[in-house]
């Protein structure tokens, strides 16, 4: 099918109020409306924010994160999703481990609240980082389609 982009399992993870995840979901669905975007919140408020932004399905909690990232093609979220006890403790060691072990490609948004600085990453506005992450997701999906 010429012009059709492959369907992938895209998982967006966030916690706290779900603001980063909400923005990621909204931009992913705006740019790639036919892709199935699943969201996992570390709490119900984050999950609800991402569902309201247009996620196709959502779940909450540690087990939901572990199960969904295991088979994800793409995992997006703030950098804290790979850090044990990030997001004021909402990001459990088991979630961070599951994200790290997943064979899916991780596209992480640098968020200063996690007390992590990535060498070579420049300090850009959050909306710019989210746009870049979605650009990378789209390029990844299109690359997989051509291989």
N, C-alpha and C. Protein backbone atom coordinates (compact mmCIF):
# COMPACT_ATOMS: atom_id res chain seq x y z
N UNK A 1 0.82 -1.19 0.00
CA UNK A 1 0.00 0.00 0.00
C UNK A 1 0.87 1.25 0.00
N UNK A 2 1.00 1.84 -1.11
CA UNK A 2 1.78 3.05 -1.27
C UNK A 2 1.17 4.19 -0.46
N UNK A 3 2.01 4.90 0.32
CA UNK A 3 1.55 6.04 1.08
C UNK A 3 0.97 5.71 2.45
N UNK A 4 0.82 4.43 2.75
CA UNK A 4 0.28 4.03 4.04
C UNK A 4 1.42 3.81 5.02
N UNK A 5 1.30 4.42 6.19
CA UNK A 5 2.33 4.27 7.21
C UNK A 5 1.98 3.08 8.08
N UNK A 6 2.98 2.26 8.38
CA UNK A 6 2.78 1.06 9.20
C UNK A 6 2.20 1.42 10.56
N UNK A 7 1.30 0.56 11.03
CA UNK A 7 0.72 0.73 12.36
C UNK A 7 1.74 0.23 13.39
N UNK A 8 2.02 1.05 14.39
CA UNK A 8 2.97 0.68 15.43
C UNK A 8 2.29 0.82 16.79
N UNK A 9 2.86 0.17 17.77
CA UNK A 9 2.37 0.34 19.15
C UNK A 9 3.17 1.46 19.78
N UNK A 10 2.52 2.60 19.98
CA UNK A 10 3.14 3.77 20.58
C UNK A 10 2.59 3.91 21.99
N UNK A 11 3.49 3.95 22.97
CA UNK A 11 3.08 4.08 24.36
C UNK A 11 3.67 5.38 24.92
N UNK A 12 2.80 6.20 25.49
CA UNK A 12 3.22 7.44 26.14
C UNK A 12 3.04 7.23 27.64
N UNK A 13 4.09 7.50 28.40
CA UNK A 13 4.05 7.35 29.85
C UNK A 13 4.30 8.70 30.51
N UNK A 14 3.50 8.99 31.55
CA UNK A 14 3.71 10.22 32.31
C UNK A 14 3.11 10.05 33.70
N UNK A 15 3.46 10.97 34.56
CA UNK A 15 2.96 10.96 35.93
C UNK A 15 2.59 12.36 36.34
N UNK A 16 2.53 12.61 37.66
CA UNK A 16 2.16 13.91 38.20
C UNK A 16 0.84 14.35 37.56
N UNK A 17 0.80 15.51 36.93
CA UNK A 17 -0.43 16.00 36.30
C UNK A 17 -0.61 15.54 34.87
N UNK A 18 0.40 14.88 34.31
CA UNK A 18 0.30 14.37 32.95
C UNK A 18 0.51 15.40 31.86
N UNK A 19 1.07 16.56 32.18
CA UNK A 19 1.22 17.63 31.20
C UNK A 19 2.10 17.29 30.01
N UNK A 20 3.24 16.66 30.26
CA UNK A 20 4.13 16.28 29.15
C UNK A 20 3.46 15.22 28.30
N UNK A 21 2.89 14.21 28.94
CA UNK A 21 2.21 13.15 28.20
C UNK A 21 1.04 13.67 27.41
N UNK A 22 0.28 14.59 27.99
CA UNK A 22 -0.86 15.20 27.30
C UNK A 22 -0.40 15.89 26.03
N UNK A 23 0.66 16.67 26.13
CA UNK A 23 1.18 17.38 24.96
C UNK A 23 1.71 16.41 23.91
N UNK A 24 2.38 15.34 24.35
CA UNK A 24 2.89 14.34 23.40
C UNK A 24 1.74 13.66 22.67
N UNK A 25 0.74 13.21 23.41
CA UNK A 25 -0.40 12.53 22.80
C UNK A 25 -1.10 13.45 21.79
N UNK A 26 -1.35 14.67 22.19
CA UNK A 26 -2.04 15.61 21.30
C UNK A 26 -1.27 15.81 20.00
N UNK A 27 0.03 15.99 20.09
CA UNK A 27 0.84 16.22 18.89
C UNK A 27 0.96 14.95 18.05
N UNK A 28 1.12 13.80 18.69
CA UNK A 28 1.18 12.53 17.94
C UNK A 28 -0.12 12.32 17.15
N UNK A 29 -1.26 12.52 17.80
CA UNK A 29 -2.54 12.29 17.14
C UNK A 29 -2.82 13.35 16.07
N UNK A 30 -2.35 14.57 16.29
CA UNK A 30 -2.52 15.62 15.28
C UNK A 30 -1.73 15.28 14.02
N UNK A 31 -0.49 14.83 14.21
CA UNK A 31 0.40 14.57 13.08
C UNK A 31 0.19 13.20 12.44
N UNK A 32 -0.19 12.22 13.27
CA UNK A 32 -0.34 10.85 12.77
C UNK A 32 -1.65 10.26 13.32
N UNK A 33 -2.78 10.77 12.85
CA UNK A 33 -4.07 10.38 13.42
C UNK A 33 -4.39 8.89 13.30
N UNK A 34 -3.79 8.20 12.35
CA UNK A 34 -4.08 6.78 12.16
C UNK A 34 -3.22 5.86 13.03
N UNK A 35 -2.24 6.44 13.70
CA UNK A 35 -1.43 5.62 14.61
C UNK A 35 -2.19 5.41 15.92
N UNK A 36 -2.07 4.22 16.48
CA UNK A 36 -2.71 3.91 17.76
C UNK A 36 -1.76 4.35 18.87
N UNK A 37 -2.22 5.28 19.69
CA UNK A 37 -1.42 5.81 20.79
C UNK A 37 -2.06 5.37 22.10
N UNK A 38 -1.30 4.62 22.88
CA UNK A 38 -1.74 4.16 24.18
C UNK A 38 -1.05 5.00 25.24
N UNK A 39 -1.74 5.26 26.33
CA UNK A 39 -1.11 6.03 27.39
C UNK A 39 -1.13 5.26 28.70
N UNK A 40 -0.08 5.46 29.48
CA UNK A 40 0.00 4.88 30.82
C UNK A 40 0.38 6.00 31.77
N UNK A 41 -0.48 6.21 32.75
CA UNK A 41 -0.20 7.19 33.78
C UNK A 41 0.26 6.50 35.05
N UNK A 42 1.16 7.15 35.76
CA UNK A 42 1.54 6.60 37.05
C UNK A 42 0.46 6.89 38.09
N UNK A 43 -0.49 7.74 37.72
CA UNK A 43 -1.65 8.03 38.58
C UNK A 43 -2.84 8.32 37.66
N UNK A 44 -4.04 8.29 38.24
CA UNK A 44 -5.25 8.46 37.44
C UNK A 44 -5.35 9.82 36.78
N UNK A 45 -4.85 10.86 37.46
CA UNK A 45 -4.91 12.21 36.89
C UNK A 45 -4.08 12.31 35.61
N UNK A 46 -2.89 11.72 35.61
CA UNK A 46 -2.05 11.73 34.41
C UNK A 46 -2.70 10.94 33.28
N UNK A 47 -3.26 9.78 33.62
CA UNK A 47 -3.93 8.97 32.60
C UNK A 47 -5.09 9.74 31.98
N UNK A 48 -5.91 10.36 32.82
CA UNK A 48 -7.07 11.11 32.33
C UNK A 48 -6.65 12.26 31.42
N UNK A 49 -5.58 12.97 31.78
CA UNK A 49 -5.10 14.07 30.96
C UNK A 49 -4.72 13.58 29.56
N UNK A 50 -4.06 12.42 29.50
CA UNK A 50 -3.62 11.89 28.21
C UNK A 50 -4.79 11.35 27.39
N UNK A 51 -5.77 10.76 28.06
CA UNK A 51 -6.96 10.29 27.35
C UNK A 51 -7.72 11.47 26.77
N UNK A 52 -7.87 12.53 27.56
CA UNK A 52 -8.56 13.73 27.07
C UNK A 52 -7.82 14.36 25.90
N UNK A 53 -6.50 14.16 25.82
CA UNK A 53 -5.71 14.70 24.72
C UNK A 53 -5.86 13.88 23.44
N UNK A 54 -6.51 12.70 23.54
CA UNK A 54 -6.76 11.92 22.34
C UNK A 54 -6.17 10.54 22.30
N UNK A 55 -5.57 10.05 23.39
CA UNK A 55 -5.03 8.69 23.39
C UNK A 55 -6.15 7.71 23.06
N UNK A 56 -5.81 6.66 22.34
CA UNK A 56 -6.79 5.67 21.93
C UNK A 56 -7.21 4.76 23.08
N UNK A 57 -6.34 4.58 24.05
CA UNK A 57 -6.63 3.77 25.23
C UNK A 57 -5.67 4.19 26.32
N UNK A 58 -6.06 3.91 27.54
CA UNK A 58 -5.19 4.29 28.64
C UNK A 58 -5.34 3.36 29.82
N UNK A 59 -4.30 3.31 30.63
CA UNK A 59 -4.31 2.51 31.85
C UNK A 59 -3.42 3.21 32.87
N UNK A 60 -3.58 2.80 34.11
CA UNK A 60 -2.87 3.46 35.20
C UNK A 60 -2.10 2.46 36.03
N UNK A 61 -0.89 2.84 36.42
CA UNK A 61 -0.15 2.08 37.41
C UNK A 61 1.03 1.28 36.89
N UNK A 62 1.73 0.72 37.86
CA UNK A 62 2.96 -0.01 37.59
C UNK A 62 2.76 -1.19 36.65
N UNK A 63 1.78 -2.05 36.93
CA UNK A 63 1.60 -3.22 36.09
C UNK A 63 1.21 -2.84 34.66
N UNK A 64 0.37 -1.82 34.52
CA UNK A 64 -0.02 -1.36 33.18
C UNK A 64 1.21 -0.90 32.39
N UNK A 65 2.11 -0.20 33.06
CA UNK A 65 3.33 0.26 32.38
C UNK A 65 4.19 -0.93 31.97
N UNK A 66 4.40 -1.86 32.88
CA UNK A 66 5.25 -3.02 32.60
C UNK A 66 4.71 -3.82 31.43
N UNK A 67 3.42 -4.09 31.44
CA UNK A 67 2.79 -4.89 30.38
C UNK A 67 2.87 -4.18 29.03
N UNK A 68 2.56 -2.90 28.99
CA UNK A 68 2.49 -2.19 27.72
C UNK A 68 3.84 -1.87 27.11
N UNK A 69 4.85 -1.55 27.90
CA UNK A 69 6.15 -1.24 27.30
C UNK A 69 6.85 -2.49 26.78
N UNK A 70 6.47 -3.65 27.30
CA UNK A 70 7.12 -4.90 26.87
C UNK A 70 6.97 -5.13 25.37
N UNK A 71 5.84 -4.72 24.81
CA UNK A 71 5.59 -4.96 23.38
C UNK A 71 5.51 -3.66 22.58
N UNK A 72 5.98 -2.56 23.15
CA UNK A 72 5.89 -1.27 22.46
C UNK A 72 6.95 -1.14 21.37
N UNK A 73 6.58 -0.51 20.28
CA UNK A 73 7.54 -0.15 19.24
C UNK A 73 8.22 1.17 19.58
N UNK A 74 7.45 2.10 20.14
CA UNK A 74 7.94 3.41 20.54
C UNK A 74 7.41 3.73 21.94
N UNK A 75 8.29 4.27 22.78
CA UNK A 75 7.92 4.70 24.12
C UNK A 75 8.32 6.16 24.25
N UNK A 76 7.36 7.00 24.58
CA UNK A 76 7.64 8.42 24.73
C UNK A 76 7.25 8.88 26.12
N UNK A 77 8.01 9.84 26.64
CA UNK A 77 7.68 10.42 27.93
C UNK A 77 8.82 11.28 28.42
N UNK A 78 8.64 11.88 29.59
CA UNK A 78 9.74 12.65 30.18
C UNK A 78 10.90 11.73 30.55
N UNK A 79 12.09 12.28 30.63
CA UNK A 79 13.28 11.48 30.91
C UNK A 79 13.15 10.67 32.19
N UNK A 80 12.32 11.12 33.10
CA UNK A 80 12.12 10.41 34.37
C UNK A 80 11.58 9.00 34.23
N UNK A 81 11.03 8.62 33.08
CA UNK A 81 10.47 7.27 32.94
C UNK A 81 11.55 6.20 32.93
N UNK A 82 12.81 6.60 32.86
CA UNK A 82 13.89 5.61 32.94
C UNK A 82 14.67 5.75 34.25
N UNK A 83 14.15 6.54 35.17
CA UNK A 83 14.84 6.80 36.44
C UNK A 83 14.01 6.31 37.62
N UNK A 84 14.54 5.36 38.35
CA UNK A 84 13.84 4.85 39.54
C UNK A 84 13.51 5.98 40.49
N UNK A 85 12.29 5.96 40.98
CA UNK A 85 11.80 6.90 41.99
C UNK A 85 11.67 8.34 41.51
N UNK A 86 11.69 8.57 40.21
CA UNK A 86 11.49 9.92 39.66
C UNK A 86 10.03 10.32 39.87
N UNK A 87 9.71 11.54 39.52
CA UNK A 87 8.36 12.09 39.61
C UNK A 87 7.84 11.98 41.05
N UNK A 88 8.66 12.40 41.97
CA UNK A 88 8.32 12.38 43.40
C UNK A 88 7.98 10.98 43.89
N UNK A 89 8.63 9.97 43.30
CA UNK A 89 8.43 8.59 43.71
C UNK A 89 7.37 7.84 42.93
N UNK A 90 6.65 8.52 42.04
CA UNK A 90 5.60 7.84 41.27
C UNK A 90 6.18 6.84 40.27
N UNK A 91 7.38 7.10 39.79
CA UNK A 91 7.99 6.23 38.80
C UNK A 91 8.76 5.15 39.57
N UNK A 92 8.18 4.00 39.68
CA UNK A 92 8.77 2.94 40.49
C UNK A 92 10.00 2.33 39.82
N UNK A 93 10.87 1.71 40.59
CA UNK A 93 12.02 1.02 40.00
C UNK A 93 11.58 -0.03 38.96
N UNK A 94 10.44 -0.68 39.19
CA UNK A 94 9.96 -1.69 38.25
C UNK A 94 9.57 -1.07 36.91
N UNK A 95 8.97 0.12 36.93
CA UNK A 95 8.60 0.79 35.68
C UNK A 95 9.87 1.21 34.94
N UNK A 96 10.80 1.84 35.64
CA UNK A 96 12.05 2.28 35.01
C UNK A 96 12.78 1.09 34.39
N UNK A 97 12.80 -0.03 35.11
CA UNK A 97 13.46 -1.23 34.60
C UNK A 97 12.75 -1.76 33.36
N UNK A 98 11.42 -1.79 33.40
CA UNK A 98 10.66 -2.29 32.25
C UNK A 98 10.87 -1.42 31.02
N UNK A 99 10.90 -0.11 31.21
CA UNK A 99 11.15 0.79 30.07
C UNK A 99 12.56 0.54 29.52
N UNK A 100 13.52 0.44 30.41
CA UNK A 100 14.89 0.20 29.98
C UNK A 100 15.07 -1.13 29.26
N UNK A 101 14.37 -2.14 29.70
CA UNK A 101 14.48 -3.48 29.10
C UNK A 101 13.71 -3.61 27.78
N UNK A 102 12.74 -2.77 27.56
CA UNK A 102 11.93 -2.87 26.36
C UNK A 102 12.80 -2.68 25.12
N UNK A 103 12.50 -3.47 24.11
CA UNK A 103 13.24 -3.32 22.85
C UNK A 103 12.71 -2.17 22.01
N UNK A 104 11.62 -1.56 22.46
CA UNK A 104 11.07 -0.41 21.75
C UNK A 104 12.02 0.78 21.83
N UNK A 105 11.93 1.64 20.85
CA UNK A 105 12.74 2.86 20.82
C UNK A 105 12.17 3.85 21.83
N UNK A 106 13.05 4.42 22.66
CA UNK A 106 12.63 5.39 23.67
C UNK A 106 12.93 6.79 23.18
N UNK A 107 11.92 7.65 23.21
CA UNK A 107 12.08 9.06 22.85
C UNK A 107 11.75 9.86 24.10
N UNK A 108 12.77 10.42 24.73
CA UNK A 108 12.63 11.03 26.04
C UNK A 108 12.70 12.55 25.98
N UNK A 109 11.84 13.20 26.75
CA UNK A 109 11.80 14.65 26.83
C UNK A 109 12.64 15.08 28.03
N UNK A 110 13.67 15.90 27.82
CA UNK A 110 14.47 16.36 28.96
C UNK A 110 13.65 17.33 29.82
N UNK A 111 13.48 16.96 31.06
CA UNK A 111 12.73 17.78 32.01
C UNK A 111 13.64 18.04 33.19
N UNK A 112 13.89 19.30 33.48
CA UNK A 112 14.83 19.69 34.53
C UNK A 112 14.48 19.21 35.92
N UNK A 113 13.21 18.94 36.18
CA UNK A 113 12.80 18.52 37.52
C UNK A 113 13.40 17.17 37.92
N UNK A 114 13.90 16.42 36.97
CA UNK A 114 14.45 15.09 37.27
C UNK A 114 15.90 15.14 37.74
N UNK A 115 16.47 16.33 37.78
CA UNK A 115 17.86 16.51 38.22
C UNK A 115 18.85 15.72 37.37
N UNK A 116 18.57 15.65 36.07
CA UNK A 116 19.46 14.98 35.13
C UNK A 116 19.75 15.96 34.01
N UNK A 117 21.01 16.08 33.67
CA UNK A 117 21.41 16.89 32.53
C UNK A 117 22.08 15.96 31.54
N UNK A 118 21.71 16.08 30.28
CA UNK A 118 22.24 15.23 29.23
C UNK A 118 23.26 16.04 28.44
N UNK A 119 24.50 15.58 28.44
CA UNK A 119 25.55 16.28 27.70
C UNK A 119 25.18 16.34 26.22
N UNK A 120 25.33 17.49 25.64
CA UNK A 120 25.03 17.66 24.22
C UNK A 120 23.60 18.11 23.96
N UNK A 121 22.73 17.95 24.95
CA UNK A 121 21.34 18.40 24.79
C UNK A 121 21.28 19.88 25.17
N UNK A 122 20.64 20.65 24.33
CA UNK A 122 20.54 22.08 24.62
C UNK A 122 19.25 22.36 25.39
N UNK A 123 19.24 23.46 26.08
CA UNK A 123 18.10 23.87 26.87
C UNK A 123 17.08 24.53 25.93
N UNK A 124 16.02 23.79 25.61
CA UNK A 124 15.00 24.30 24.69
C UNK A 124 13.65 24.29 25.41
N UNK A 125 12.71 25.09 24.93
CA UNK A 125 11.38 25.09 25.54
C UNK A 125 10.72 23.72 25.43
N UNK A 126 9.87 23.39 26.39
CA UNK A 126 9.20 22.10 26.43
C UNK A 126 8.44 21.81 25.15
N UNK A 127 7.71 22.79 24.63
CA UNK A 127 6.93 22.54 23.41
C UNK A 127 7.84 22.22 22.22
N UNK A 128 9.03 22.78 22.18
CA UNK A 128 9.98 22.47 21.12
C UNK A 128 10.50 21.04 21.27
N UNK A 129 10.78 20.63 22.50
CA UNK A 129 11.24 19.25 22.75
C UNK A 129 10.15 18.24 22.37
N UNK A 130 8.91 18.56 22.67
CA UNK A 130 7.81 17.67 22.32
C UNK A 130 7.66 17.57 20.81
N UNK A 131 7.76 18.69 20.12
CA UNK A 131 7.69 18.68 18.66
C UNK A 131 8.82 17.84 18.06
N UNK A 132 10.02 17.99 18.61
CA UNK A 132 11.17 17.21 18.12
C UNK A 132 10.96 15.72 18.38
N UNK A 133 10.43 15.35 19.54
CA UNK A 133 10.16 13.95 19.84
C UNK A 133 9.15 13.36 18.85
N UNK A 134 8.13 14.12 18.50
CA UNK A 134 7.14 13.64 17.55
C UNK A 134 7.75 13.55 16.15
N UNK A 135 8.62 14.49 15.80
CA UNK A 135 9.34 14.40 14.52
C UNK A 135 10.14 13.10 14.47
N UNK A 136 10.82 12.79 15.56
CA UNK A 136 11.62 11.57 15.63
C UNK A 136 10.73 10.33 15.56
N UNK A 137 9.58 10.36 16.22
CA UNK A 137 8.65 9.23 16.17
C UNK A 137 8.16 9.01 14.74
N UNK A 138 7.79 10.09 14.08
CA UNK A 138 7.30 9.98 12.70
C UNK A 138 8.38 9.44 11.78
N UNK A 139 9.60 9.93 11.93
CA UNK A 139 10.71 9.45 11.10
C UNK A 139 10.98 7.97 11.37
N UNK A 140 10.89 7.56 12.62
CA UNK A 140 11.10 6.15 12.98
C UNK A 140 10.05 5.26 12.32
N UNK A 141 8.80 5.68 12.37
CA UNK A 141 7.71 4.91 11.78
C UNK A 141 7.89 4.83 10.27
N UNK A 142 8.21 5.94 9.64
CA UNK A 142 8.40 5.95 8.18
C UNK A 142 9.60 5.11 7.77
N UNK A 143 10.65 5.14 8.57
CA UNK A 143 11.85 4.33 8.28
C UNK A 143 11.51 2.83 8.36
N UNK A 144 10.74 2.45 9.36
CA UNK A 144 10.34 1.04 9.51
C UNK A 144 9.47 0.60 8.33
N UNK A 145 8.68 1.52 7.80
CA UNK A 145 7.81 1.22 6.67
C UNK A 145 8.64 0.90 5.41
N UNK A 146 9.79 1.58 5.28
CA UNK A 146 10.61 1.40 4.08
C UNK A 146 11.58 0.23 4.17
N UNK A 147 11.69 -0.37 5.34
CA UNK A 147 12.63 -1.51 5.51
C UNK A 147 11.93 -2.83 5.49
